[in-house]
Structure formats: structure tokens, C-alpha cells
PDB file of N, CA and C in Angstrom:
ATOM      1  N   MET A   1       0.802  -1.133  -0.024  1.00  0.00           N
ATOM      2  CA  MET A   1      -0.040   0.031   0.129  1.00  0.00           C
ATOM      3  C   MET A   1       0.728   1.145   0.091  1.00  0.00           C
ATOM      4  N   SER A   2       0.638   2.206  -0.862  1.00  0.00           N
ATOM      5  CA  SER A   2       1.349   3.493  -0.727  1.00  0.00           C
ATOM      6  C   SER A   2       1.160   4.096   0.211  1.00  0.00           C
ATOM      7  N   GLU A   3       2.128   5.127   0.471  1.00  0.00           N
ATOM      8  CA  GLU A   3       2.052   6.270   1.691  1.00  0.00           C
ATOM      9  C   GLU A   3       1.008   7.160   1.337  1.00  0.00           C
ATOM     10  N   MET A   4       0.258   7.586   2.240  1.00  0.00           N
ATOM     11  CA  MET A   4      -0.863   8.498   2.114  1.00  0.00           C
ATOM     12  C   MET A   4      -0.386   9.404   2.965  1.00  0.00           C
ATOM     13  N   GLN A   5      -0.717  11.009   2.589  1.00  0.00           N
ATOM     14  CA  GLN A   5      -0.345  12.203   3.518  1.00  0.00           C
ATOM     15  C   GLN A   5      -1.773  12.320   4.232  1.00  0.00           C
ATOM     16  N   ASP A   6      -1.445  12.531   5.603  1.00  0.00           N
ATOM     17  CA  ASP A   6      -2.604  13.041   6.413  1.00  0.00           C
ATOM     18  C   ASP A   6      -2.546  14.627   6.438  1.00  0.00           C
ATOM     19  N   TYR A   7      -3.317  15.381   6.024  1.00  0.00           N
ATOM     20  CA  TYR A   7      -3.394  16.834   6.006  1.00  0.00           C
ATOM     21  C   TYR A   7      -4.081  17.085   7.137  1.00  0.00           C
ATOM     22  N   LYS A   8      -3.298  17.832   8.162  1.00  0.00           N
ATOM     23  CA  LYS A   8      -3.424  18.316   9.482  1.00  0.00           C
ATOM     24  C   LYS A   8      -4.473  19.677   9.138  1.00  0.00           C
ATOM     25  N   SER A   9      -5.722  19.264   9.352  1.00  0.00           N
ATOM     26  CA  SER A   9      -6.532  20.341   9.439  1.00  0.00           C
ATOM     27  C   SER A   9      -7.740  20.235  10.471  1.00  0.00           C
ATOM     28  N   SER A  10      -8.209  21.428  10.925  1.00  0.00           N
ATOM     29  CA  SER A  10      -9.054  21.350  11.965  1.00  0.00           C
ATOM     30  C   SER A  10     -10.126  22.636  11.876  1.00  0.00           C
ATOM     31  N   LEU A  11     -11.192  22.610  12.471  1.00  0.00           N
ATOM     32  CA  LEU A  11     -11.986  23.705  12.449  1.00  0.00           C
ATOM     33  C   LEU A  11     -11.530  24.802  13.340  1.00  0.00           C
ATOM     34  N   SER A  12     -10.877  24.346  14.353  1.00  0.00           N
ATOM     35  CA  SER A  12     -10.190  25.598  15.177  1.00  0.00           C
ATOM     36  C   SER A  12      -9.020  26.313  14.585  1.00  0.00           C
ATOM     37  N   ASP A  13      -8.403  25.503  13.540  1.00  0.00           N
ATOM     38  CA  ASP A  13      -7.238  26.356  12.830  1.00  0.00           C
ATOM     39  C   ASP A  13      -7.863  26.795  11.537  1.00  0.00           C
ATOM     40  N   PHE A  14      -8.166  28.134  11.170  1.00  0.00           N
ATOM     41  CA  PHE A  14      -8.541  28.637  10.043  1.00  0.00           C
ATOM     42  C   PHE A  14      -7.370  28.139   8.904  1.00  0.00           C
ATOM     43  N   SER A  15      -6.297  28.642   9.192  1.00  0.00           N
ATOM     44  CA  SER A  15      -5.288  28.350   8.196  1.00  0.00           C
ATOM     45  C   SER A  15      -5.039  26.657   7.536  1.00  0.00           C
ATOM     46  N   SER A  16      -5.552  26.121   8.292  1.00  0.00           N
ATOM     47  CA  SER A  16      -5.369  24.595   7.903  1.00  0.00           C
ATOM     48  C   SER A  16      -6.663  24.091   7.171  1.00  0.00           C
ATOM     49  N   ARG A  17      -7.564  24.878   6.904  1.00  0.00           N
ATOM     50  CA  ARG A  17      -9.087  24.368   6.394  1.00  0.00           C
ATOM     51  C   ARG A  17      -8.953  24.148   5.019  1.00  0.00           C
ATOM     52  N   LYS A  18      -9.287  23.175   4.296  1.00  0.00           N
ATOM     53  CA  LYS A  18      -9.524  22.847   3.032  1.00  0.00           C
ATOM     54  C   LYS A  18     -10.674  23.025   2.462  1.00  0.00           C
ATOM     55  N   PHE A  19     -10.638  23.576   1.059  1.00  0.00           N
ATOM     56  CA  PHE A  19     -12.140  23.669   0.336  1.00  0.00           C
ATOM     57  C   PHE A  19     -11.843  23.083  -0.826  1.00  0.00           C
ATOM     58  N   GLU A  20     -12.763  22.190  -1.132  1.00  0.00           N
ATOM     59  CA  GLU A  20     -12.779  21.409  -2.555  1.00  0.00           C
ATOM     60  C   GLU A  20     -11.347  20.934  -2.749  1.00  0.00           C
ATOM     61  N   THR A  21     -11.276  20.089  -3.821  1.00  0.00           N
ATOM     62  CA  THR A  21     -10.169  19.234  -4.131  1.00  0.00           C
ATOM     63  C   THR A  21      -8.921  20.057  -4.453  1.00  0.00           C
ATOM     64  N   PHE A  22      -9.051  21.333  -5.157  1.00  0.00           N
ATOM     65  CA  PHE A  22      -7.714  21.972  -5.258  1.00  0.00           C
ATOM     66  C   PHE A  22      -7.138  22.755  -4.187  1.00  0.00           C
ATOM     67  N   SER A  23      -7.792  22.728  -3.014  1.00  0.00           N
ATOM     68  CA  SER A  23      -6.962  23.168  -1.841  1.00  0.00           C
ATOM     69  C   SER A  23      -6.065  22.499  -1.412  1.00  0.00           C
ATOM     70  N   TYR A  24      -6.016  21.159  -1.957  1.00  0.00           N
ATOM     71  CA  TYR A  24      -4.824  20.264  -1.415  1.00  0.00           C
ATOM     72  C   TYR A  24      -3.704  20.235  -2.123  1.00  0.00           C
ATOM     73  N   LEU A  25      -3.792  21.323  -3.430  1.00  0.00           N
ATOM     74  CA  LEU A  25      -2.511  21.351  -4.303  1.00  0.00           C
ATOM     75  C   LEU A  25      -2.163  22.813  -4.082  1.00  0.00           C
ATOM     76  N   PRO A  26      -1.045  23.003  -4.542  1.00  0.00           N
ATOM     77  CA  PRO A  26      -0.192  24.389  -4.609  1.00  0.00           C
ATOM     78  C   PRO A  26      -1.280  25.481  -5.121  1.00  0.00           C
ATOM     79  N   GLU A  27      -1.534  26.497  -4.700  1.00  0.00           N
ATOM     80  CA  GLU A  27      -2.200  27.557  -5.403  1.00  0.00           C
ATOM     81  C   GLU A  27      -2.357  27.598  -6.672  1.00  0.00           C
ATOM     82  N   LEU A  28      -3.208  27.893  -7.302  1.00  0.00           N
ATOM     83  CA  LEU A  28      -3.317  27.909  -9.101  1.00  0.00           C
ATOM     84  C   LEU A  28      -2.930  29.296  -9.087  1.00  0.00           C
ATOM     85  N   SER A  29      -2.039  29.291 -10.476  1.00  0.00           N
ATOM     86  CA  SER A  29      -1.663  30.443 -10.855  1.00  0.00           C
ATOM     87  C   SER A  29      -2.822  31.224 -11.612  1.00  0.00           C
ATOM     88  N   LYS A  30      -2.736  32.319 -12.282  1.00  0.00           N
ATOM     89  CA  LYS A  30      -3.885  33.087 -13.024  1.00  0.00           C
ATOM     90  C   LYS A  30      -4.018  32.099 -14.226  1.00  0.00           C
ATOM     91  N   ASP A  31      -3.001  31.732 -14.809  1.00  0.00           N
ATOM     92  CA  ASP A  31      -3.335  30.847 -16.144  1.00  0.00           C
ATOM     93  C   ASP A  31      -3.855  29.628 -15.871  1.00  0.00           C
ATOM     94  N   GLN A  32      -3.692  28.756 -14.619  1.00  0.00           N
ATOM     95  CA  GLN A  32      -4.423  27.655 -14.338  1.00  0.00           C
ATOM     96  C   GLN A  32      -5.686  27.756 -14.050  1.00  0.00           C
ATOM     97  N   ILE A  33      -5.920  29.032 -13.398  1.00  0.00           N
ATOM     98  CA  ILE A  33      -7.374  29.337 -12.974  1.00  0.00           C
ATOM     99  C   ILE A  33      -8.098  29.553 -14.364  1.00  0.00           C
ATOM    100  N   ARG A  34      -7.467  30.153 -15.350  1.00  0.00           N
ATOM    101  CA  ARG A  34      -8.303  30.551 -16.541  1.00  0.00           C
ATOM    102  C   ARG A  34      -8.458  29.184 -17.557  1.00  0.00           C
ATOM    103  N   LYS A  35      -7.509  28.255 -17.461  1.00  0.00           N
ATOM    104  CA  LYS A  35      -7.765  26.897 -17.853  1.00  0.00           C
ATOM    105  C   LYS A  35      -8.927  26.417 -17.402  1.00  0.00           C
ATOM    106  N   GLN A  36      -9.202  26.300 -15.984  1.00  0.00           N
ATOM    107  CA  GLN A  36     -10.210  25.638 -15.263  1.00  0.00           C
ATOM    108  C   GLN A  36     -11.525  26.295 -15.711  1.00  0.00           C
ATOM    109  N   VAL A  37     -11.548  27.634 -15.953  1.00  0.00           N
ATOM    110  CA  VAL A  37     -12.632  28.409 -16.533  1.00  0.00           C
ATOM    111  C   VAL A  37     -13.011  28.060 -17.890  1.00  0.00           C
ATOM    112  N   GLN A  38     -12.027  27.874 -18.648  1.00  0.00           N
ATOM    113  CA  GLN A  38     -12.123  27.230 -20.028  1.00  0.00           C
ATOM    114  C   GLN A  38     -12.643  25.920 -19.927  1.00  0.00           C
ATOM    115  N   TYR A  39     -12.266  24.977 -19.046  1.00  0.00           N
ATOM    116  CA  TYR A  39     -12.890  23.738 -19.131  1.00  0.00           C
ATOM    117  C   TYR A  39     -14.488  23.672 -18.716  1.00  0.00           C
ATOM    118  N   ILE A  40     -14.696  24.706 -17.696  1.00  0.00           N
ATOM    119  CA  ILE A  40     -16.086  24.856 -17.470  1.00  0.00           C
ATOM    120  C   ILE A  40     -17.094  25.128 -18.747  1.00  0.00           C
ATOM    121  N   VAL A  41     -16.387  26.198 -19.353  1.00  0.00           N
ATOM    122  CA  VAL A  41     -17.081  26.796 -20.783  1.00  0.00           C
ATOM    123  C   VAL A  41     -17.037  25.529 -21.578  1.00  0.00           C
ATOM    124  N   ASP A  42     -16.134  24.668 -21.734  1.00  0.00           N
ATOM    125  CA  ASP A  42     -16.148  23.623 -22.753  1.00  0.00           C
ATOM    126  C   ASP A  42     -17.237  22.653 -22.488  1.00  0.00           C
ATOM    127  N   GLN A  43     -17.244  22.438 -21.155  1.00  0.00           N
ATOM    128  CA  GLN A  43     -18.394  21.267 -20.851  1.00  0.00           C
ATOM    129  C   GLN A  43     -19.586  21.791 -20.879  1.00  0.00           C
ATOM    130  N   GLY A  44     -19.871  23.029 -21.350  1.00  0.00           N
ATOM    131  CA  GLY A  44     -21.437  23.462 -21.287  1.00  0.00           C
ATOM    132  C   GLY A  44     -21.998  24.032 -20.116  1.00  0.00           C
ATOM    133  N   TRP A  45     -21.092  24.141 -19.009  1.00  0.00           N
ATOM    134  CA  TRP A  45     -21.786  24.274 -17.622  1.00  0.00           C
ATOM    135  C   TRP A  45     -21.711  25.874 -17.469  1.00  0.00           C
ATOM    136  N   ASN A  46     -22.710  26.184 -16.487  1.00  0.00           N
ATOM    137  CA  ASN A  46     -23.057  27.615 -16.512  1.00  0.00           C
ATOM    138  C   ASN A  46     -22.084  28.020 -15.106  1.00  0.00           C
ATOM    139  N   PRO A  47     -21.350  29.072 -15.450  1.00  0.00           N
ATOM    140  CA  PRO A  47     -20.527  29.336 -14.253  1.00  0.00           C
ATOM    141  C   PRO A  47     -21.130  30.373 -13.332  1.00  0.00           C
ATOM    142  N   ALA A  48     -20.771  30.314 -12.108  1.00  0.00           N
ATOM    143  CA  ALA A  48     -21.370  31.329 -11.147  1.00  0.00           C
ATOM    144  C   ALA A  48     -20.208  31.597 -10.025  1.00  0.00           C
ATOM    145  N   ILE A  49     -20.445  32.650  -9.350  1.00  0.00           N
ATOM    146  CA  ILE A  49     -19.454  33.267  -8.133  1.00  0.00           C
ATOM    147  C   ILE A  49     -20.194  33.293  -7.015  1.00  0.00           C
ATOM    148  N   GLU A  50     -19.395  32.914  -5.664  1.00  0.00           N
ATOM    149  CA  GLU A  50     -19.936  32.770  -4.519  1.00  0.00           C
ATOM    150  C   GLU A  50     -18.749  33.215  -3.570  1.00  0.00           C
ATOM    151  N   HIS A  51     -19.302  33.918  -2.503  1.00  0.00           N
ATOM    152  CA  HIS A  51     -18.269  34.434  -1.779  1.00  0.00           C
ATOM    153  C   HIS A  51     -18.741  34.142  -0.102  1.00  0.00           C
ATOM    154  N   THR A  52     -17.929  34.212   0.727  1.00  0.00           N
ATOM    155  CA  THR A  52     -18.428  34.114   2.052  1.00  0.00           C
ATOM    156  C   THR A  52     -17.146  34.194   3.107  1.00  0.00           C
ATOM    157  N   GLU A  53     -17.301  34.803   4.279  1.00  0.00           N
ATOM    158  CA  GLU A  53     -16.396  35.009   5.271  1.00  0.00           C
ATOM    159  C   GLU A  53     -15.458  33.880   5.736  1.00  0.00           C
ATOM    160  N   PRO A  54     -14.108  33.651   5.737  1.00  0.00           N
ATOM    161  CA  PRO A  54     -13.512  32.464   6.088  1.00  0.00           C
ATOM    162  C   PRO A  54     -14.011  31.830   7.351  1.00  0.00           C
ATOM    163  N   GLU A  55     -14.458  32.604   8.190  1.00  0.00           N
ATOM    164  CA  GLU A  55     -14.901  31.898   9.422  1.00  0.00           C
ATOM    165  C   GLU A  55     -16.207  31.157   9.282  1.00  0.00           C
ATOM    166  N   ASN A  56     -16.917  31.566   8.325  1.00  0.00           N
ATOM    167  CA  ASN A  56     -18.341  30.960   8.005  1.00  0.00           C
ATOM    168  C   ASN A  56     -18.267  29.895   6.615  1.00  0.00           C
ATOM    169  N   ALA A  57     -17.103  29.608   6.399  1.00  0.00           N
ATOM    170  CA  ALA A  57     -17.017  28.886   5.035  1.00  0.00           C
ATOM    171  C   ALA A  57     -17.540  27.518   5.360  1.00  0.00           C
ATOM    172  N   PHE A  58     -17.680  26.825   6.398  1.00  0.00           N
ATOM    173  CA  PHE A  58     -18.219  25.517   6.713  1.00  0.00           C
ATOM    174  C   PHE A  58     -19.484  25.582   7.304  1.00  0.00           C
ATOM    175  N   ASP A  59     -19.883  26.600   7.938  1.00  0.00           N
ATOM    176  CA  ASP A  59     -21.102  26.669   8.818  1.00  0.00           C
ATOM    177  C   ASP A  59     -22.322  27.329   8.056  1.00  0.00           C
ATOM    178  N   HIS A  60     -22.282  28.042   6.863  1.00  0.00           N
ATOM    179  CA  HIS A  60     -23.188  28.739   6.321  1.00  0.00           C
ATOM    180  C   HIS A  60     -23.360  28.516   4.892  1.00  0.00           C
ATOM    181  N   TYR A  61     -24.254  28.959   3.987  1.00  0.00           N
ATOM    182  CA  TYR A  61     -24.279  28.994   2.826  1.00  0.00           C
ATOM    183  C   TYR A  61     -23.685  30.272   2.337  1.00  0.00           C
ATOM    184  N   TRP A  62     -23.085  29.894   1.078  1.00  0.00           N
ATOM    185  CA  TRP A  62     -22.200  31.037   0.552  1.00  0.00           C
ATOM    186  C   TRP A  62     -23.071  31.961  -0.074  1.00  0.00           C
ATOM    187  N   TYR A  63     -22.709  33.166  -0.239  1.00  0.00           N
ATOM    188  CA  TYR A  63     -23.295  34.120  -0.664  1.00  0.00           C
ATOM    189  C   TYR A  63     -23.105  34.515  -2.379  1.00  0.00           C
ATOM    190  N   MET A  64     -24.271  34.505  -3.017  1.00  0.00           N
ATOM    191  CA  MET A  64     -24.351  34.535  -4.525  1.00  0.00           C
ATOM    192  C   MET A  64     -23.712  35.681  -4.916  1.00  0.00           C
ATOM    193  N   TRP A  65     -22.916  35.924  -5.724  1.00  0.00           N
ATOM    194  CA  TRP A  65     -22.498  37.278  -6.399  1.00  0.00           C
ATOM    195  C   TRP A  65     -23.326  37.310  -7.754  1.00  0.00           C
ATOM    196  N   LYS A  66     -24.324  38.163  -7.751  1.00  0.00           N
ATOM    197  CA  LYS A  66     -25.072  38.378  -8.803  1.00  0.00           C
ATOM    198  C   LYS A  66     -25.808  36.930  -9.109  1.00  0.00           C
ATOM    199  N   LEU A  67     -26.199  36.826 -10.193  1.00  0.00           N
ATOM    200  CA  LEU A  67     -27.127  35.574 -10.775  1.00  0.00           C
ATOM    201  C   LEU A  67     -25.824  34.707 -11.557  1.00  0.00           C
ATOM    202  N   PRO A  68     -26.199  33.328 -11.412  1.00  0.00           N
ATOM    203  CA  PRO A  68     -25.266  32.380 -12.245  1.00  0.00           C
ATOM    204  C   PRO A  68     -25.257  33.024 -13.818  1.00  0.00           C
ATOM    205  N   MET A  69     -23.998  32.951 -14.418  1.00  0.00           N
ATOM    206  CA  MET A  69     -23.774  33.548 -15.716  1.00  0.00           C
ATOM    207  C   MET A  69     -24.258  32.516 -16.937  1.00  0.00           C
ATOM    208  N   PHE A  70     -25.520  32.148 -17.000  1.00  0.00           N
ATOM    209  CA  PHE A  70     -26.238  31.370 -17.847  1.00  0.00           C
ATOM    210  C   PHE A  70     -25.898  31.343 -19.078  1.00  0.00           C
ATOM    211  N   GLY A  71     -25.198  30.455 -19.847  1.00  0.00           N
ATOM    212  CA  GLY A  71     -24.907  30.563 -21.203  1.00  0.00           C
ATOM    213  C   GLY A  71     -23.510  31.292 -21.432  1.00  0.00           C
ATOM    214  N   GLU A  72     -22.950  31.877 -20.552  1.00  0.00           N
ATOM    215  CA  GLU A  72     -21.606  32.792 -20.611  1.00  0.00           C
ATOM    216  C   GLU A  72     -20.530  31.813 -21.106  1.00  0.00           C
ATOM    217  N   THR A  73     -19.983  32.152 -22.187  1.00  0.00           N
ATOM    218  CA  THR A  73     -18.911  31.472 -22.670  1.00  0.00           C
ATOM    219  C   THR A  73     -17.318  32.189 -22.970  1.00  0.00           C
ATOM    220  N   ASP A  74     -17.520  33.470 -22.561  1.00  0.00           N
ATOM    221  CA  ASP A  74     -16.373  34.399 -22.567  1.00  0.00           C
ATOM    222  C   ASP A  74     -15.812  34.338 -21.194  1.00  0.00           C
ATOM    223  N   VAL A  75     -14.471  33.518 -21.365  1.00  0.00           N
ATOM    224  CA  VAL A  75     -13.677  33.461 -20.140  1.00  0.00           C
ATOM    225  C   VAL A  75     -13.272  34.522 -19.466  1.00  0.00           C
ATOM    226  N   ASP A  76     -13.146  35.775 -20.180  1.00  0.00           N
ATOM    227  CA  ASP A  76     -12.576  36.982 -19.796  1.00  0.00           C
ATOM    228  C   ASP A  76     -13.663  37.519 -18.904  1.00  0.00           C
ATOM    229  N   LYS A  77     -15.012  37.473 -19.365  1.00  0.00           N
ATOM    230  CA  LYS A  77     -16.066  38.028 -18.762  1.00  0.00           C
ATOM    231  C   LYS A  77     -16.271  37.316 -17.398  1.00  0.00           C
ATOM    232  N   ILE A  78     -16.159  35.965 -17.432  1.00  0.00           N
ATOM    233  CA  ILE A  78     -16.041  35.265 -16.247  1.00  0.00           C
ATOM    234  C   ILE A  78     -15.061  35.613 -15.213  1.00  0.00           C
ATOM    235  N   LEU A  79     -13.993  35.734 -15.707  1.00  0.00           N
ATOM    236  CA  LEU A  79     -12.835  36.184 -14.661  1.00  0.00           C
ATOM    237  C   LEU A  79     -12.923  37.723 -14.101  1.00  0.00           C
ATOM    238  N   ALA A  80     -13.357  38.348 -14.922  1.00  0.00           N
ATOM    239  CA  ALA A  80     -13.587  39.622 -14.583  1.00  0.00           C
ATOM    240  C   ALA A  80     -14.848  39.719 -13.358  1.00  0.00           C
ATOM    241  N   GLU A  81     -15.855  38.894 -13.758  1.00  0.00           N
ATOM    242  CA  GLU A  81     -16.840  38.825 -12.521  1.00  0.00           C
ATOM    243  C   GLU A  81     -16.267  38.409 -10.977  1.00  0.00           C
ATOM    244  N   ALA A  82     -15.283  37.262 -11.171  1.00  0.00           N
ATOM    245  CA  ALA A  82     -14.682  36.699 -10.224  1.00  0.00           C
ATOM    246  C   ALA A  82     -13.883  37.893  -9.461  1.00  0.00           C
ATOM    247  N   ASP A  83     -13.327  38.583 -10.131  1.00  0.00           N
ATOM    248  CA  ASP A  83     -12.237  39.619  -9.753  1.00  0.00           C
ATOM    249  C   ASP A  83     -12.921  40.679  -9.181  1.00  0.00           C
ATOM    250  N   ALA A  84     -14.128  41.087  -9.866  1.00  0.00           N
ATOM    251  CA  ALA A  84     -14.988  42.324  -9.198  1.00  0.00           C
ATOM    252  C   ALA A  84     -15.638  41.755  -7.796  1.00  0.00           C
ATOM    253  N   CYS A  85     -16.009  40.485  -7.538  1.00  0.00           N
ATOM    254  CA  CYS A  85     -16.332  39.820  -6.388  1.00  0.00           C
ATOM    255  C   CYS A  85     -15.374  39.975  -5.517  1.00  0.00           C
ATOM    256  N   HIS A  86     -14.201  39.854  -5.805  1.00  0.00           N
ATOM    257  CA  HIS A  86     -13.076  39.757  -4.720  1.00  0.00           C
ATOM    258  C   HIS A  86     -12.545  41.220  -4.286  1.00  0.00           C
ATOM    259  N   LYS A  87     -12.854  42.259  -5.266  1.00  0.00           N
ATOM    260  CA  LYS A  87     -12.643  43.460  -5.007  1.00  0.00           C
ATOM    261  C   LYS A  87     -13.647  44.075  -4.019  1.00  0.00           C
ATOM    262  N   ALA A  88     -15.024  43.741  -4.444  1.00  0.00           N
ATOM    263  CA  ALA A  88     -15.979  44.190  -3.597  1.00  0.00           C
ATOM    264  C   ALA A  88     -16.040  43.601  -2.268  1.00  0.00           C
ATOM    265  N   HIS A  89     -15.233  42.407  -1.981  1.00  0.00           N
ATOM    266  CA  HIS A  89     -15.277  41.479  -0.799  1.00  0.00           C
ATOM    267  C   HIS A  89     -14.007  41.157  -0.384  1.00  0.00           C
ATOM    268  N   PRO A  90     -12.977  41.932  -0.162  1.00  0.00           N
ATOM    269  CA  PRO A  90     -11.494  41.419  -0.398  1.00  0.00           C
ATOM    270  C   PRO A  90     -11.267  40.474   1.008  1.00  0.00           C
ATOM    271  N   LYS A  91     -12.016  40.476   1.969  1.00  0.00           N
ATOM    272  CA  LYS A  91     -11.711  39.523   3.175  1.00  0.00           C
ATOM    273  C   LYS A  91     -12.406  38.294   2.922  1.00  0.00           C
ATOM    274  N   ASN A  92     -13.263  38.242   1.875  1.00  0.00           N
ATOM    275  CA  ASN A  92     -14.021  37.014   1.750  1.00  0.00           C
ATOM    276  C   ASN A  92     -13.163  35.966   0.887  1.00  0.00           C
ATOM    277  N   HIS A  93     -13.567  34.574   1.368  1.00  0.00           N
ATOM    278  CA  HIS A  93     -13.097  33.514   0.118  1.00  0.00           C
ATOM    279  C   HIS A  93     -14.030  33.689  -1.285  1.00  0.00           C
ATOM    280  N   VAL A  94     -13.570  33.578  -2.154  1.00  0.00           N
ATOM    281  CA  VAL A  94     -14.356  33.533  -3.506  1.00  0.00           C
ATOM    282  C   VAL A  94     -14.040  32.460  -4.331  1.00  0.00           C
ATOM    283  N   ARG A  95     -15.222  31.826  -4.652  1.00  0.00           N
ATOM    284  CA  ARG A  95     -15.275  30.472  -5.327  1.00  0.00           C
ATOM    285  C   ARG A  95     -15.787  30.375  -6.613  1.00  0.00           C
ATOM    286  N   LEU A  96     -15.419  29.843  -7.524  1.00  0.00           N
ATOM    287  CA  LEU A  96     -15.955  29.770  -8.978  1.00  0.00           C
ATOM    288  C   LEU A  96     -16.570  28.302  -8.982  1.00  0.00           C
ATOM    289  N   ILE A  97     -17.928  28.391  -9.549  1.00  0.00           N
ATOM    290  CA  ILE A  97     -18.773  27.069  -9.621  1.00  0.00           C
ATOM    291  C   ILE A  97     -19.151  26.759 -11.041  1.00  0.00           C
ATOM    292  N   GLY A  98     -19.187  25.720 -11.705  1.00  0.00           N
ATOM    293  CA  GLY A  98     -19.592  25.402 -12.937  1.00  0.00           C
ATOM    294  C   GLY A  98     -20.699  24.521 -12.704  1.00  0.00           C
ATOM    295  N   TYR A  99     -21.810  24.816 -12.899  1.00  0.00           N
ATOM    296  CA  TYR A  99     -23.212  24.119 -12.606  1.00  0.00           C
ATOM    297  C   TYR A  99     -23.422  23.307 -14.056  1.00  0.00           C
ATOM    298  N   ASP A 100     -23.788  22.003 -13.945  1.00  0.00           N
ATOM    299  CA  ASP A 100     -24.122  20.996 -14.893  1.00  0.00           C
ATOM    300  C   ASP A 100     -25.491  20.874 -14.863  1.00  0.00           C
ATOM    301  N   ASN A 101     -26.297  21.622 -15.747  1.00  0.00           N
ATOM    302  CA  ASN A 101     -27.687  21.795 -15.885  1.00  0.00           C
ATOM    303  C   ASN A 101     -28.100  20.384 -16.181  1.00  0.00           C
ATOM    304  N   TYR A 102     -27.618  19.339 -16.813  1.00  0.00           N
ATOM    305  CA  TYR A 102     -28.235  18.142 -17.231  1.00  0.00           C
ATOM    306  C   TYR A 102     -28.036  17.081 -15.921  1.00  0.00           C
ATOM    307  N   ALA A 103     -26.897  17.195 -15.286  1.00  0.00           N
ATOM    308  CA  ALA A 103     -27.097  16.434 -13.951  1.00  0.00           C
ATOM    309  C   ALA A 103     -27.682  16.902 -12.775  1.00  0.00           C
ATOM    310  N   GLN A 104     -27.726  18.272 -12.950  1.00  0.00           N
ATOM    311  CA  GLN A 104     -28.512  19.299 -12.145  1.00  0.00           C
ATOM    312  C   GLN A 104     -27.441  19.114 -10.758  1.00  0.00           C
ATOM    313  N   SER A 105     -26.412  19.495 -10.860  1.00  0.00           N
ATOM    314  CA  SER A 105     -25.444  19.531  -9.855  1.00  0.00           C
ATOM    315  C   SER A 105     -24.086  20.453 -10.303  1.00  0.00           C
ATOM    316  N   GLN A 106     -23.384  20.526  -9.294  1.00  0.00           N
ATOM    317  CA  GLN A 106     -22.021  21.214  -9.579  1.00  0.00           C
ATOM    318  C   GLN A 106     -21.071  20.196 -10.378  1.00  0.00           C
ATOM    319  N   GLY A 107     -20.511  20.696 -11.394  1.00  0.00           N
ATOM    320  CA  GLY A 107     -19.413  20.043 -12.230  1.00  0.00           C
ATOM    321  C   GLY A 107     -18.168  20.288 -11.598  1.00  0.00           C
ATOM    322  N   ALA A 108     -18.143  21.567 -11.056  1.00  0.00           N
ATOM    323  CA  ALA A 108     -16.811  21.867 -10.593  1.00  0.00           C
ATOM    324  C   ALA A 108     -16.959  23.105  -9.842  1.00  0.00           C
ATOM    325  N   SER A 109     -16.160  23.154  -8.692  1.00  0.00           N
ATOM    326  CA  SER A 109     -16.022  24.097  -7.730  1.00  0.00           C
ATOM    327  C   SER A 109     -14.937  24.199  -7.195  1.00  0.00           C
ATOM    328  N   MET A 110     -14.248  25.567  -7.036  1.00  0.00           N
ATOM    329  CA  MET A 110     -12.949  25.746  -6.351  1.00  0.00           C
ATOM    330  C   MET A 110     -12.954  27.226  -5.824  1.00  0.00           C
ATOM    331  N   VAL A 111     -12.083  27.338  -4.713  1.00  0.00           N
ATOM    332  CA  VAL A 111     -11.952  28.501  -4.159  1.00  0.00           C
ATOM    333  C   VAL A 111     -10.701  29.238  -5.142  1.00  0.00           C
ATOM    334  N   ILE A 112     -11.113  30.363  -5.816  1.00  0.00           N
ATOM    335  CA  ILE A 112      -9.967  30.892  -6.367  1.00  0.00           C
ATOM    336  C   ILE A 112      -9.247  32.094  -5.717  1.00  0.00           C
ATOM    337  N   TYR A 113     -10.065  32.701  -4.831  1.00  0.00           N
ATOM    338  CA  TYR A 113      -9.417  33.895  -3.971  1.00  0.00           C
ATOM    339  C   TYR A 113      -9.670  33.314  -2.392  1.00  0.00           C
ATOM    340  N   ARG A 114      -8.509  33.414  -1.604  1.00  0.00           N
ATOM    341  CA  ARG A 114      -8.930  33.283  -0.345  1.00  0.00           C
ATOM    342  C   ARG A 114      -8.836  34.614   0.564  1.00  0.00           C
ATOM    343  N   GLY A 115      -9.686  34.489   1.481  1.00  0.00           N
ATOM    344  CA  GLY A 115      -9.810  35.677   2.107  1.00  0.00           C
ATOM    345  C   GLY A 115      -9.024  35.804   3.276  1.00  0.00           C
ATOM    346  N   GLU A 116      -9.231  37.083   3.941  1.00  0.00           N
ATOM    347  CA  GLU A 116      -8.209  37.119   5.173  1.00  0.00           C
ATOM    348  C   GLU A 116      -8.682  36.074   6.268  1.00  0.00           C
ATOM    349  N   ILE A 117      -7.594  35.474   6.882  1.00  0.00           N
ATOM    350  CA  ILE A 117      -8.008  34.505   8.045  1.00  0.00           C
ATOM    351  C   ILE A 117      -7.778  35.129   9.253  1.00  0.00           C
ATOM    352  N   LYS A 118      -8.782  35.243  10.001  1.00  0.00           N
ATOM    353  CA  LYS A 118      -8.591  35.751  11.500  1.00  0.00           C
ATOM    354  C   LYS A 118      -8.175  34.645  12.369  1.00  0.00           C
ATOM    355  N   SER A 119      -7.450  35.034  13.294  1.00  0.00           N
ATOM    356  CA  SER A 119      -7.014  33.889  14.152  1.00  0.00           C
ATOM    357  C   SER A 119      -7.589  34.132  15.506  1.00  0.00           C
TER     358      SER A 119
END
């Protein structure tokens, strides 16, 4: 059996918390985020932006930034909305979601901006 890494995370340690799969990887570059947005568009999924305070990320629903961008295929427009959300709420986590309307579920979800962590 291969060695598996135990990620030391706990609710009491905000800096150790993980959000979705990409949180276990090194932080994504702008180009890598762009590729993820392009993947969402290529799948025909509807992009959406959500945000929340870091301390509420596990206990509450995330706030919707505007409405989901139904049918939006312009990667630059999607990234501009994510950036606008981050600028409007710089202390919050901001995540990008790709809604699969056929499976009626999230096809992708990733935190693309991490907010300030209070200790």
C-alpha cells in the first residue's frame, strides 16, 4: 500500500482548512485558473461566483455574487466577475462554480481567492 499524506486540518485552525479538491494542491496560477474556467465553458456548464467570510465557510451557505452566468462562454467576462467579487469583498473567500444543468449538480467548484484569515 502506498504512503498517503494526512493533511492536518481542523475547524479551530482557520489556516489549515481545505475547500474542495484544489485546496490540497499548490495555489493555482492565473493561467491555471483560466484553464479551469475554459474547461467549465467547454463542458457547457453555467459559471457562477460565490463568496463568504473565511470563518463561515463551513457553517453557512455562501453568498451568491449576482446570478449564475447562464450561457456565458467568454472566459474573460467570467474572470472579470470573479475579480469584481474579490474587489468588492476582499476579506472573503471567492469560489467559482460550474453548474451542470443536465446532471443538476455542480460539475466543478474551486476557491480562486482566499480571504483574510482571522486567528
